[in-house]
C-alpha atoms as a PDB file:
ATOM      1  CA  MET A   1     -14.385  -4.074  10.260  1.00  0.00           C
ATOM      2  CA  GLY A   2     -12.480  -4.710  13.500  1.00  0.00           C
ATOM      3  CA  HIS A   3      -9.411  -2.556  13.987  1.00  0.00           C
ATOM      4  CA  SER A   4      -8.879  -1.862  10.305  1.00  0.00           C
ATOM      5  CA  PHE A   5      -7.540   1.213   8.544  1.00  0.00           C
ATOM      6  CA  VAL A   6      -9.105   2.400   5.306  1.00  0.00           C
ATOM      7  CA  CYS A   7      -7.506   5.006   3.045  1.00  0.00           C
ATOM      8  CA  GLU A   8     -10.109   6.712   0.846  1.00  0.00           C
ATOM      9  CA  GLY A   9      -8.613   8.773  -1.963  1.00  0.00           C
ATOM     10  CA  ILE A  10      -5.705   9.963   0.147  1.00  0.00           C
ATOM     11  CA  GLY A  11      -3.409  12.549  -1.395  1.00  0.00           C
ATOM     12  CA  LYS A  12      -0.545  14.532   0.071  1.00  0.00           C
ATOM     13  CA  VAL A  13       0.983  17.654  -1.453  1.00  0.00           C
ATOM     14  CA  PHE A  14       4.043  19.309   0.068  1.00  0.00           C
ATOM     15  CA  ASP A  15       3.991  23.014  -0.634  1.00  0.00           C
ATOM     16  CA  SER A  16       7.323  24.786  -0.226  1.00  0.00           C
ATOM     17  CA  GLY A  17       6.063  28.115  -1.547  1.00  0.00           C
ATOM     18  CA  ASP A  18       7.432  27.979  -5.099  1.00  0.00           C
ATOM     19  CA  VAL A  19       7.126  24.245  -5.658  1.00  0.00           C
ATOM     20  CA  LYS A  20       4.248  21.893  -4.972  1.00  0.00           C
ATOM     21  CA  THR A  21       5.248  18.234  -4.768  1.00  0.00           C
ATOM     22  CA  ALA A  22       2.628  15.488  -4.834  1.00  0.00           C
ATOM     23  CA  ALA A  23       3.962  12.840  -2.435  1.00  0.00           C
ATOM     24  CA  LEU A  24       0.784  10.736  -2.616  1.00  0.00           C
ATOM     25  CA  GLU A  25      -1.980  10.612  -5.211  1.00  0.00           C
ATOM     26  CA  ASN A  26      -5.410   9.053  -4.711  1.00  0.00           C
ATOM     27  CA  ILE A  27      -4.466   6.152  -2.428  1.00  0.00           C
ATOM     28  CA  ASN A  28      -7.320   3.683  -1.846  1.00  0.00           C
ATOM     29  CA  LEU A  29      -6.290   0.840   0.440  1.00  0.00           C
ATOM     30  CA  GLU A  30      -7.643  -1.251   3.282  1.00  0.00           C
ATOM     31  CA  PHE A  31      -5.528  -2.756   6.036  1.00  0.00           C
ATOM     32  CA  GLY A  32      -7.483  -5.471   7.809  1.00  0.00           C
ATOM     33  CA  GLN A  33      -7.200  -6.227  11.510  1.00  0.00           C
ATOM     34  CA  GLY A  34      -4.194  -8.403  12.322  1.00  0.00           C
ATOM     35  CA  GLU A  35      -2.756  -8.354   8.785  1.00  0.00           C
ATOM     36  CA  PHE A  36       0.987  -8.296   8.119  1.00  0.00           C
ATOM     37  CA  THR A  37       1.449  -5.951   5.160  1.00  0.00           C
ATOM     38  CA  SER A  38       4.669  -4.765   3.578  1.00  0.00           C
ATOM     39  CA  ILE A  39       4.951  -1.553   1.578  1.00  0.00           C
ATOM     40  CA  ILE A  40       7.810  -1.507  -0.903  1.00  0.00           C
ATOM     41  CA  GLY A  41       9.068   0.992  -3.447  1.00  0.00           C
ATOM     42  CA  PRO A  42      12.092   3.071  -4.348  1.00  0.00           C
ATOM     43  CA  SER A  43      13.167   6.076  -2.310  1.00  0.00           C
ATOM     44  CA  GLY A  44      10.683   8.923  -2.780  1.00  0.00           C
ATOM     45  CA  SER A  45       7.807   6.629  -3.781  1.00  0.00           C
ATOM     46  CA  GLY A  46       5.643   7.901  -0.897  1.00  0.00           C
ATOM     47  CA  LYS A  47       5.771   4.840   1.334  1.00  0.00           C
ATOM     48  CA  SER A  48       7.029   6.661   4.462  1.00  0.00           C
ATOM     49  CA  THR A  49       4.565   9.519   3.867  1.00  0.00           C
ATOM     50  CA  LEU A  50       1.725   6.984   3.685  1.00  0.00           C
ATOM     51  CA  LEU A  51       2.904   5.332   6.895  1.00  0.00           C
ATOM     52  CA  SER A  52       3.053   8.648   8.779  1.00  0.00           C
ATOM     53  CA  ILE A  53      -0.489   9.512   7.602  1.00  0.00           C
ATOM     54  CA  ILE A  54      -1.806   6.117   8.756  1.00  0.00           C
ATOM     55  CA  GLY A  55       0.070   6.637  12.023  1.00  0.00           C
ATOM     56  CA  THR A  56      -1.564  10.100  12.362  1.00  0.00           C
ATOM     57  CA  LEU A  57       1.843  11.817  12.569  1.00  0.00           C
ATOM     58  CA  ASP A  58       0.884  13.673   9.387  1.00  0.00           C
ATOM     59  CA  THR A  59      -2.429  14.704   7.797  1.00  0.00           C
ATOM     60  CA  PRO A  60      -3.484  14.116   4.201  1.00  0.00           C
ATOM     61  CA  THR A  61      -4.101  17.077   1.881  1.00  0.00           C
ATOM     62  CA  SER A  62      -7.100  15.264   0.400  1.00  0.00           C
ATOM     63  CA  GLY A  63      -9.091  12.124   1.106  1.00  0.00           C
ATOM     64  CA  VAL A  64     -10.009  10.464   4.398  1.00  0.00           C
ATOM     65  CA  LEU A  65      -8.296   8.003   6.739  1.00  0.00           C
ATOM     66  CA  ARG A  66     -10.756   5.822   8.668  1.00  0.00           C
ATOM     67  CA  PHE A  67     -10.126   3.537  11.619  1.00  0.00           C
ATOM     68  CA  ASP A  68     -12.980   1.230  12.613  1.00  0.00           C
ATOM     69  CA  GLY A  69     -15.065   3.236  10.171  1.00  0.00           C
ATOM     70  CA  GLN A  70     -14.462   6.556  11.948  1.00  0.00           C
ATOM     71  CA  ALA A  71     -12.727   9.448  10.168  1.00  0.00           C
ATOM     72  CA  VAL A  72      -9.517   9.984  12.119  1.00  0.00           C
ATOM     73  CA  SER A  73      -9.238  13.590  10.901  1.00  0.00           C
ATOM     74  CA  SER A  74     -12.281  14.509  12.989  1.00  0.00           C
ATOM     75  CA  LEU A  75     -10.322  14.000  16.227  1.00  0.00           C
ATOM     76  CA  ASP A  76      -8.853  16.991  18.061  1.00  0.00           C
ATOM     77  CA  SER A  77      -5.157  16.950  18.975  1.00  0.00           C
ATOM     78  CA  ARG A  78      -5.712  15.538  22.446  1.00  0.00           C
ATOM     79  CA  SER A  79      -7.982  12.747  21.198  1.00  0.00           C
ATOM     80  CA  LEU A  80      -5.447  12.070  18.465  1.00  0.00           C
ATOM     81  CA  ALA A  81      -2.627  11.627  21.010  1.00  0.00           C
ATOM     82  CA  ASP A  82      -4.863   9.196  22.936  1.00  0.00           C
ATOM     83  CA  PHE A  83      -5.762   7.410  19.704  1.00  0.00           C
ATOM     84  CA  ARG A  84      -2.072   6.885  18.902  1.00  0.00           C
ATOM     85  CA  PHE A  85      -1.297   5.747  22.443  1.00  0.00           C
ATOM     86  CA  GLU A  86      -4.127   3.178  22.436  1.00  0.00           C
ATOM     87  CA  ASN A  87      -3.757   1.847  18.907  1.00  0.00           C
ATOM     88  CA  ILE A  88      -0.318   2.371  17.394  1.00  0.00           C
ATOM     89  CA  GLY A  89       3.255   1.360  18.148  1.00  0.00           C
ATOM     90  CA  PHE A  90       6.008   2.941  16.012  1.00  0.00           C
ATOM     91  CA  ILE A  91       9.367   1.469  15.055  1.00  0.00           C
ATOM     92  CA  PHE A  92      11.774   3.596  13.016  1.00  0.00           C
ATOM     93  CA  GLN A  93      15.051   3.066  11.189  1.00  0.00           C
ATOM     94  CA  GLN A  94      16.752   5.255  13.808  1.00  0.00           C
ATOM     95  CA  PHE A  95      16.115   3.591  17.136  1.00  0.00           C
ATOM     96  CA  HIS A  96      15.273   6.879  18.926  1.00  0.00           C
ATOM     97  CA  LEU A  97      16.230   5.498  22.328  1.00  0.00           C
ATOM     98  CA  ILE A  98      16.881   8.017  25.093  1.00  0.00           C
ATOM     99  CA  PRO A  99      20.635   7.687  25.809  1.00  0.00           C
ATOM    100  CA  THR A 100      20.431   8.533  29.522  1.00  0.00           C
ATOM    101  CA  LEU A 101      17.737   5.951  30.283  1.00  0.00           C
ATOM    102  CA  THR A 102      18.273   2.240  30.837  1.00  0.00           C
ATOM    103  CA  THR A 103      16.793  -0.318  28.461  1.00  0.00           C
ATOM    104  CA  LEU A 104      13.952  -0.926  30.923  1.00  0.00           C
ATOM    105  CA  GLU A 105      13.199   2.805  31.280  1.00  0.00           C
ATOM    106  CA  ASN A 106      13.247   3.246  27.500  1.00  0.00           C
ATOM    107  CA  VAL A 107      10.607   0.527  27.121  1.00  0.00           C
ATOM    108  CA  MET A 108       8.498   2.233  29.813  1.00  0.00           C
ATOM    109  CA  ALA A 109       8.964   5.720  28.298  1.00  0.00           C
ATOM    110  CA  PRO A 110       5.615   5.854  26.387  1.00  0.00           C
ATOM    111  CA  LEU A 111       3.830   5.206  29.695  1.00  0.00           C
ATOM    112  CA  PHE A 112       5.407   8.142  31.573  1.00  0.00           C
ATOM    113  CA  GLY A 113       2.577  10.442  32.674  1.00  0.00           C
ATOM    114  CA  ARG A 114      -0.106   7.905  31.679  1.00  0.00           C
ATOM    115  CA  LYS A 115      -2.436   6.053  34.036  1.00  0.00           C
ATOM    116  CA  VAL A 116      -2.542   2.386  33.048  1.00  0.00           C
ATOM    117  CA  PRO A 117      -4.265  -0.601  34.686  1.00  0.00           C
ATOM    118  CA  TYR A 118      -1.071  -2.680  34.931  1.00  0.00           C
ATOM    119  CA  ASP A 119       2.343  -2.517  36.570  1.00  0.00           C
ATOM    120  CA  LYS A 120       4.538  -0.542  34.148  1.00  0.00           C
ATOM    121  CA  GLU A 121       7.833  -2.127  35.169  1.00  0.00           C
ATOM    122  CA  GLU A 122       6.419  -5.645  35.111  1.00  0.00           C
ATOM    123  CA  ARG A 123       4.989  -5.086  31.625  1.00  0.00           C
ATOM    124  CA  ALA A 124       8.298  -3.665  30.355  1.00  0.00           C
ATOM    125  CA  LEU A 125      10.295  -6.559  31.799  1.00  0.00           C
ATOM    126  CA  SER A 126       8.001  -9.148  30.234  1.00  0.00           C
ATOM    127  CA  LEU A 127       8.472  -7.454  26.847  1.00  0.00           C
ATOM    128  CA  LEU A 128      12.252  -7.397  27.207  1.00  0.00           C
ATOM    129  CA  GLN A 129      11.987 -11.109  27.874  1.00  0.00           C
ATOM    130  CA  LYS A 130       9.863 -11.516  24.748  1.00  0.00           C
ATOM    131  CA  VAL A 131      12.492  -9.828  22.566  1.00  0.00           C
ATOM    132  CA  GLY A 132      15.299 -11.777  24.270  1.00  0.00           C
ATOM    133  CA  LEU A 133      16.903  -8.919  26.206  1.00  0.00           C
ATOM    134  CA  ALA A 134      15.855  -9.459  29.823  1.00  0.00           C
ATOM    135  CA  GLU A 135      19.512  -9.578  30.931  1.00  0.00           C
ATOM    136  CA  LYS A 136      20.092  -6.090  29.431  1.00  0.00           C
ATOM    137  CA  ALA A 137      17.318  -4.378  31.448  1.00  0.00           C
ATOM    138  CA  HIS A 138      19.737  -2.095  33.288  1.00  0.00           C
ATOM    139  CA  SER A 139      22.136  -1.411  30.404  1.00  0.00           C
ATOM    140  CA  LEU A 140      22.241   1.946  28.633  1.00  0.00           C
ATOM    141  CA  PRO A 141      21.645   2.105  24.854  1.00  0.00           C
ATOM    142  CA  SER A 142      25.374   2.845  24.283  1.00  0.00           C
ATOM    143  CA  GLN A 143      26.158  -0.580  25.744  1.00  0.00           C
ATOM    144  CA  LEU A 144      23.977  -2.372  23.184  1.00  0.00           C
ATOM    145  CA  SER A 145      24.571  -3.388  19.567  1.00  0.00           C
ATOM    146  CA  GLY A 146      22.382  -1.921  16.794  1.00  0.00           C
ATOM    147  CA  GLY A 147      20.289  -5.083  16.626  1.00  0.00           C
ATOM    148  CA  GLN A 148      19.768  -5.051  20.385  1.00  0.00           C
ATOM    149  CA  GLN A 149      18.772  -1.372  20.313  1.00  0.00           C
ATOM    150  CA  GLN A 150      16.207  -2.115  17.612  1.00  0.00           C
ATOM    151  CA  ARG A 151      14.790  -4.960  19.747  1.00  0.00           C
ATOM    152  CA  VAL A 152      14.429  -2.476  22.631  1.00  0.00           C
ATOM    153  CA  ALA A 153      12.580  -0.169  20.202  1.00  0.00           C
ATOM    154  CA  VAL A 154      10.250  -3.059  19.270  1.00  0.00           C
ATOM    155  CA  ALA A 155       9.553  -3.756  22.966  1.00  0.00           C
ATOM    156  CA  ARG A 156       8.850  -0.041  23.537  1.00  0.00           C
ATOM    157  CA  ALA A 157       6.396  -0.012  20.612  1.00  0.00           C
ATOM    158  CA  LEU A 158       4.546  -2.958  22.167  1.00  0.00           C
ATOM    159  CA  VAL A 159       4.406  -1.711  25.745  1.00  0.00           C
ATOM    160  CA  HIS A 160       0.745  -0.661  25.660  1.00  0.00           C
ATOM    161  CA  GLU A 161      -0.325  -3.596  23.469  1.00  0.00           C
ATOM    162  CA  PRO A 162      -1.218  -1.575  20.365  1.00  0.00           C
ATOM    163  CA  LYS A 163      -3.574  -2.885  17.678  1.00  0.00           C
ATOM    164  CA  TRP A 164      -1.001  -1.924  15.031  1.00  0.00           C
ATOM    165  CA  LEU A 165       2.777  -1.825  14.709  1.00  0.00           C
ATOM    166  CA  LEU A 166       4.004   0.652  12.113  1.00  0.00           C
ATOM    167  CA  ALA A 167       7.598  -0.051  11.128  1.00  0.00           C
ATOM    168  CA  ASP A 168       9.443   2.359   8.837  1.00  0.00           C
ATOM    169  CA  GLU A 169      12.562   0.647   7.420  1.00  0.00           C
ATOM    170  CA  PRO A 170      13.260  -0.964  10.818  1.00  0.00           C
ATOM    171  CA  THR A 171      15.999  -3.139   9.318  1.00  0.00           C
ATOM    172  CA  GLY A 172      17.544  -0.308   7.253  1.00  0.00           C
ATOM    173  CA  ASN A 173      20.436   0.376   9.642  1.00  0.00           C
ATOM    174  CA  LEU A 174      21.163  -3.278  10.386  1.00  0.00           C
ATOM    175  CA  ASP A 175      23.184  -5.933   8.599  1.00  0.00           C
ATOM    176  CA  THR A 176      21.216  -8.589   6.695  1.00  0.00           C
ATOM    177  CA  GLN A 177      21.372 -11.238   9.410  1.00  0.00           C
ATOM    178  CA  THR A 178      20.291  -8.843  12.191  1.00  0.00           C
ATOM    179  CA  GLY A 179      17.572  -7.443   9.906  1.00  0.00           C
ATOM    180  CA  GLU A 180      16.321 -10.992   9.483  1.00  0.00           C
ATOM    181  CA  VAL A 181      16.110 -11.390  13.280  1.00  0.00           C
ATOM    182  CA  ILE A 182      14.033  -8.187  13.585  1.00  0.00           C
ATOM    183  CA  PHE A 183      11.732  -9.224  10.721  1.00  0.00           C
ATOM    184  CA  ASP A 184      11.175 -12.686  12.241  1.00  0.00           C
ATOM    185  CA  LEU A 185      10.447 -11.046  15.585  1.00  0.00           C
ATOM    186  CA  LEU A 186       7.774  -8.821  13.989  1.00  0.00           C
ATOM    187  CA  MET A 187       6.221 -11.837  12.255  1.00  0.00           C
ATOM    188  CA  ARG A 188       6.127 -13.751  15.532  1.00  0.00           C
ATOM    189  CA  LEU A 189       4.537 -10.823  17.386  1.00  0.00           C
ATOM    190  CA  ASN A 190       1.968 -10.503  14.607  1.00  0.00           C
ATOM    191  CA  LYS A 191       0.945 -14.147  15.060  1.00  0.00           C
ATOM    192  CA  GLU A 192       1.167 -14.269  18.872  1.00  0.00           C
ATOM    193  CA  ASN A 193      -0.313 -10.857  19.736  1.00  0.00           C
ATOM    194  CA  GLY A 194      -2.635 -10.558  16.756  1.00  0.00           C
ATOM    195  CA  CYS A 195      -1.416  -7.006  16.149  1.00  0.00           C
ATOM    196  CA  GLY A 196      -1.428  -5.781  12.571  1.00  0.00           C
ATOM    197  CA  VAL A 197       1.955  -4.853  11.104  1.00  0.00           C
ATOM    198  CA  LEU A 198       2.702  -2.306   8.379  1.00  0.00           C
ATOM    199  CA  PHE A 199       6.287  -2.845   7.338  1.00  0.00           C
ATOM    200  CA  VAL A 200       7.906  -0.269   5.036  1.00  0.00           C
ATOM    201  CA  THR A 201      11.035  -1.592   3.330  1.00  0.00           C
ATOM    202  CA  HIS A 202      13.038  -1.424   0.120  1.00  0.00           C
ATOM    203  CA  ASP A 203      14.187  -5.031   0.565  1.00  0.00           C
ATOM    204  CA  PRO A 204      12.139  -7.270  -1.792  1.00  0.00           C
ATOM    205  CA  SER A 205      13.239 -10.496  -0.086  1.00  0.00           C
ATOM    206  CA  LEU A 206      11.688  -9.318   3.208  1.00  0.00           C
ATOM    207  CA  ALA A 207       8.698  -7.600   1.596  1.00  0.00           C
ATOM    208  CA  GLU A 208       7.468 -10.690  -0.247  1.00  0.00           C
ATOM    209  CA  ARG A 209       7.260 -12.704   2.971  1.00  0.00           C
ATOM    210  CA  ALA A 210       4.408 -10.523   4.248  1.00  0.00           C
ATOM    211  CA  GLU A 211       0.780 -11.562   3.928  1.00  0.00           C
ATOM    212  CA  LYS A 212       0.079  -8.653   1.588  1.00  0.00           C
ATOM    213  CA  VAL A 213       2.647  -6.730  -0.486  1.00  0.00           C
ATOM    214  CA  ILE A 214       1.875  -3.187  -1.648  1.00  0.00           C
ATOM    215  CA  GLU A 215       4.204  -1.739  -4.243  1.00  0.00           C
ATOM    216  CA  MET A 216       4.415   2.025  -4.642  1.00  0.00           C
ATOM    217  CA  ARG A 217       6.020   4.298  -7.211  1.00  0.00           C
ATOM    218  CA  ASP A 218       5.804   8.091  -7.611  1.00  0.00           C
ATOM    219  CA  GLY A 219       3.169   8.470  -4.905  1.00  0.00           C
ATOM    220  CA  ARG A 220       0.839   5.844  -6.345  1.00  0.00           C
ATOM    221  CA  VAL A 221       0.053   2.224  -5.618  1.00  0.00           C
ATOM    222  CA  VAL A 222       1.212   0.143  -8.592  1.00  0.00           C
ATOM    223  CA  SER A 223       0.284  -3.298  -7.294  1.00  0.00           C
ATOM    224  CA  VAL A 224      -1.249  -5.135  -4.330  1.00  0.00           C
ATOM    225  CA  LYS A 225      -0.543  -8.853  -4.144  1.00  0.00           C
ATOM    226  CA  ARG A 226      -0.321 -11.739  -1.713  1.00  0.00           C
ATOM    227  CA  GLY A 227       3.085 -12.604  -0.235  1.00  0.00           C
ATOM    228  CA  ILE A 228       4.835 -15.770  -1.412  1.00  0.00           C
ATOM    229  CA  ALA A 229       3.777 -17.887   1.571  1.00  0.00           C
ATOM    230  CA  TYR A 230       0.147 -16.749   1.233  1.00  0.00           C
ATOM    231  CA  ALA A 231      -0.278 -16.729  -2.545  1.00  0.00           C
END
Protein backbone atom coordinates (compact mmCIF):
# COMPACT_ATOMS: atom_id res chain seq x y z
CA MET A 1 0.00 0.00 0.00
CA GLY A 2 2.72 2.51 0.90
CA HIS A 3 1.49 6.04 1.50
CA SER A 4 -1.66 5.67 -0.56
CA PHE A 5 -5.10 7.19 -0.11
CA VAL A 6 -8.21 5.13 -0.77
CA CYS A 7 -11.69 6.64 -1.05
CA GLU A 8 -14.38 4.04 -0.30
CA GLY A 9 -17.88 5.16 -1.26
CA ILE A 10 -17.27 8.74 -0.22
CA GLY A 11 -20.24 11.09 -0.32
CA LYS A 12 -20.64 14.66 0.86
CA VAL A 13 -23.94 16.44 1.43
CA PHE A 14 -24.08 20.12 2.35
CA ASP A 15 -27.15 20.81 4.42
CA SER A 16 -28.19 24.46 4.61
CA GLY A 17 -31.41 23.77 6.50
CA ASP A 18 -33.91 24.00 3.64
CA VAL A 19 -31.72 22.61 0.88
CA LYS A 20 -29.51 19.54 0.82
CA THR A 21 -26.86 19.59 -1.90
CA ALA A 22 -24.93 16.45 -2.80
CA ALA A 23 -21.40 17.69 -3.57
CA LEU A 24 -19.98 14.16 -3.90
CA GLU A 25 -21.69 10.84 -4.58
CA ASN A 26 -20.15 7.42 -4.02
CA ILE A 27 -16.52 8.19 -4.89
CA ASN A 28 -14.30 5.09 -5.11
CA LEU A 29 -10.72 5.97 -5.97
CA GLU A 30 -7.18 4.98 -5.07
CA PHE A 31 -4.22 7.34 -5.14
CA GLY A 32 -1.00 5.34 -5.11
CA GLN A 33 2.18 6.45 -3.38
CA GLY A 34 4.19 8.91 -5.48
CA GLU A 35 1.56 9.25 -8.23
CA PHE A 36 0.93 12.54 -10.03
CA THR A 37 -2.84 12.73 -10.50
CA SER A 38 -4.90 15.56 -11.92
CA ILE A 39 -8.57 16.08 -11.12
CA ILE A 40 -10.48 18.03 -13.74
CA GLY A 41 -14.08 19.11 -14.15
CA PRO A 42 -16.26 22.18 -14.46
CA SER A 43 -16.90 24.52 -11.55
CA GLY A 44 -19.14 22.81 -8.98
CA SER A 45 -18.19 19.29 -10.08
CA GLY A 46 -16.92 18.42 -6.57
CA LYS A 47 -13.20 18.39 -7.27
CA SER A 48 -12.24 20.90 -4.54
CA THR A 49 -14.58 19.18 -2.05
CA LEU A 50 -12.87 15.86 -2.80
CA LEU A 51 -9.45 17.44 -2.33
CA SER A 52 -10.39 18.95 1.04
CA ILE A 53 -11.73 15.56 2.22
CA ILE A 54 -8.51 13.80 1.16
CA GLY A 55 -6.57 16.59 2.87
CA THR A 56 -8.68 16.06 6.04
CA LEU A 57 -9.82 19.70 6.04
CA ASP A 58 -13.37 18.39 5.64
CA THR A 59 -15.13 15.14 6.58
CA PRO A 60 -17.29 13.00 4.31
CA THR A 61 -20.99 12.53 5.07
CA SER A 62 -20.71 8.88 4.05
CA GLY A 63 -17.97 6.43 3.13
CA VAL A 64 -14.42 6.09 4.44
CA LEU A 65 -11.08 7.71 3.61
CA ARG A 66 -8.11 5.43 4.30
CA PHE A 67 -4.42 6.26 4.38
CA ASP A 68 -2.02 3.31 4.54
CA GLY A 69 -5.11 1.21 5.14
CA GLN A 70 -6.14 3.11 8.27
CA ALA A 71 -9.48 4.95 8.44
CA VAL A 72 -8.54 8.60 8.82
CA SER A 73 -11.92 9.44 10.38
CA SER A 74 -10.97 7.44 13.47
CA LEU A 75 -8.34 10.04 14.44
CA ASP A 76 -9.13 12.68 17.06
CA SER A 77 -8.55 16.34 16.21
CA ARG A 78 -5.06 16.45 17.67
CA SER A 79 -3.96 13.29 15.85
CA LEU A 80 -5.53 14.69 12.71
CA ALA A 81 -3.47 17.90 12.95
CA ASP A 82 -0.34 15.76 13.38
CA PHE A 83 -1.40 13.56 10.46
CA ARG A 84 -1.72 16.62 8.20
CA PHE A 85 1.59 18.04 9.38
CA GLU A 86 3.45 14.77 8.72
CA ASN A 87 1.82 13.78 5.45
CA ILE A 88 0.26 16.67 3.54
CA GLY A 89 1.40 19.93 1.98
CA PHE A 90 -1.31 22.27 0.65
CA ILE A 91 -1.08 24.73 -2.22
CA PHE A 92 -4.10 26.93 -2.99
CA GLN A 93 -5.14 29.31 -5.75
CA GLN A 94 -4.82 32.18 -3.25
CA PHE A 95 -1.25 32.10 -2.03
CA HIS A 96 -2.21 32.67 1.64
CA LEU A 97 1.17 34.16 2.50
CA ILE A 98 1.40 36.18 5.71
CA PRO A 99 2.03 39.77 4.52
CA THR A 100 4.12 40.85 7.51
CA LEU A 101 6.54 37.92 7.27
CA THR A 102 9.50 37.62 4.92
CA THR A 103 9.60 34.93 2.25
CA LEU A 104 11.88 32.85 4.47
CA GLU A 105 9.57 33.20 7.50
CA ASN A 106 6.54 32.29 5.39
CA VAL A 107 8.23 29.05 4.31
CA MET A 108 9.05 28.29 7.97
CA ALA A 109 5.53 29.18 9.19
CA PRO A 110 4.16 25.58 9.33
CA LEU A 111 7.04 24.70 11.67
CA PHE A 112 6.32 27.43 14.24
CA GLY A 113 5.60 25.71 17.56
CA ARG A 114 6.72 22.30 16.24
CA LYS A 115 9.77 20.34 17.36
CA VAL A 116 11.60 19.03 14.30
CA PRO A 117 14.90 17.14 13.98
CA TYR A 118 16.42 19.63 11.52
CA ASP A 119 17.39 23.30 11.37
CA LYS A 120 14.21 25.15 10.34
CA GLU A 121 15.95 28.08 8.67
CA GLU A 122 18.39 25.86 6.79
CA ARG A 123 15.53 23.69 5.51
CA ALA A 124 13.53 26.76 4.41
CA LEU A 125 16.52 28.28 2.61
CA SER A 126 17.25 25.05 0.74
CA LEU A 127 13.62 24.96 -0.44
CA LEU A 128 13.73 28.58 -1.60
CA GLN A 129 16.79 27.58 -3.59
CA LYS A 130 14.88 24.63 -5.04
CA VAL A 131 12.06 26.87 -6.27
CA GLY A 132 14.56 29.45 -7.57
CA LEU A 133 13.93 32.21 -5.03
CA ALA A 134 16.94 32.12 -2.70
CA GLU A 135 17.71 35.79 -3.47
CA LYS A 136 14.20 36.79 -2.28
CA ALA A 137 14.55 35.23 1.20
CA HIS A 138 14.22 38.57 2.99
CA SER A 139 11.60 40.14 0.72
CA LEU A 140 7.99 40.60 1.82
CA PRO A 141 5.18 39.02 -0.24
CA SER A 142 4.14 42.50 -1.51
CA GLN A 143 7.55 42.76 -3.20
CA LEU A 144 7.01 39.57 -5.20
CA SER A 145 5.09 38.84 -8.40
CA GLY A 146 2.14 36.40 -8.34
CA GLY A 147 4.27 33.61 -9.79
CA GLN A 148 6.97 34.20 -7.19
CA GLN A 149 4.40 34.19 -4.37
CA GLN A 150 3.04 30.87 -5.61
CA ARG A 151 6.59 29.44 -5.64
CA VAL A 152 6.96 30.55 -2.00
CA ALA A 153 3.67 28.74 -1.29
CA VAL A 154 5.07 25.59 -2.94
CA ALA A 155 8.23 25.81 -0.81
CA ARG A 156 6.09 26.27 2.33
CA ALA A 157 4.04 23.18 1.42
CA LEU A 158 7.25 21.16 1.12
CA VAL A 159 8.97 22.35 4.28
CA HIS A 160 8.29 19.21 6.32
CA GLU A 161 8.78 16.86 3.36
CA PRO A 162 5.16 15.67 3.10
CA LYS A 163 4.20 12.40 1.40
CA TRP A 164 1.56 14.27 -0.60
CA LEU A 165 1.14 17.70 -2.17
CA LEU A 166 -2.48 18.73 -2.60
CA ALA A 167 -2.81 21.60 -5.06
CA ASP A 168 -6.18 23.27 -5.59
CA GLU A 169 -6.11 25.32 -8.82
CA PRO A 170 -2.57 26.52 -8.02
CA THR A 171 -2.22 28.08 -11.48
CA GLY A 172 -5.71 29.64 -11.46
CA ASN A 173 -4.55 33.17 -10.58
CA LEU A 174 -1.51 33.12 -12.85
CA ASP A 175 -1.01 33.81 -16.54
CA THR A 176 -0.49 30.77 -18.79
CA GLN A 177 3.30 31.01 -18.92
CA THR A 178 3.67 31.41 -15.13
CA GLY A 179 1.14 28.60 -14.61
CA GLU A 180 3.33 26.42 -16.79
CA VAL A 181 6.35 27.20 -14.58
CA ILE A 182 4.41 26.18 -11.44
CA PHE A 183 3.13 22.98 -13.08
CA ASP A 184 6.64 22.01 -14.24
CA LEU A 185 7.94 22.70 -10.74
CA LEU A 186 5.32 20.34 -9.24
CA MET A 187 6.21 17.65 -11.78
CA ARG A 188 9.90 18.00 -10.96
CA LEU A 189 9.25 17.80 -7.21
CA ASN A 190 7.10 14.72 -7.78
CA LYS A 191 9.98 12.97 -9.57
CA GLU A 192 12.81 14.22 -7.32
CA ASN A 193 11.11 13.97 -3.91
CA GLY A 194 8.83 11.05 -4.71
CA CYS A 195 5.89 12.91 -3.16
CA GLY A 196 2.47 12.20 -4.60
CA VAL A 197 0.67 15.15 -6.18
CA LEU A 198 -3.08 15.72 -6.47
CA PHE A 199 -3.57 18.61 -8.85
CA VAL A 200 -7.06 20.11 -9.19
CA THR A 201 -7.46 22.19 -12.34
CA HIS A 202 -9.95 23.18 -15.02
CA ASP A 203 -7.16 23.45 -17.61
CA PRO A 204 -7.25 20.32 -19.84
CA SER A 205 -3.82 21.00 -21.35
CA LEU A 206 -2.22 20.79 -17.88
CA ALA A 207 -4.48 18.01 -16.61
CA GLU A 208 -3.63 15.56 -19.40
CA ARG A 209 0.09 15.77 -18.64
CA ALA A 210 -0.42 14.05 -15.28
CA GLU A 211 0.18 10.33 -14.81
CA LYS A 212 -3.50 9.77 -14.06
CA VAL A 213 -6.41 12.04 -15.05
CA ILE A 214 -9.67 11.90 -13.10
CA GLU A 215 -12.62 13.69 -14.65
CA MET A 216 -15.52 14.73 -12.44
CA ARG A 217 -18.99 16.07 -13.14
CA ASP A 218 -21.90 16.72 -10.75
CA GLY A 219 -20.13 15.15 -7.79
CA ARG A 220 -19.28 11.92 -9.59
CA VAL A 221 -16.23 10.47 -11.27
CA VAL A 222 -16.97 10.18 -15.00
CA SER A 223 -13.62 8.81 -16.15
CA VAL A 224 -10.17 7.76 -14.93
CA LYS A 225 -7.48 7.52 -17.59
CA ARG A 226 -3.73 7.68 -18.08
CA GLY A 227 -2.17 11.03 -19.02
CA ILE A 228 -0.88 11.51 -22.57
CA ALA A 229 2.77 10.83 -21.71
CA TYR A 230 1.85 7.67 -19.78
CA ALA A 231 -0.88 6.21 -21.99
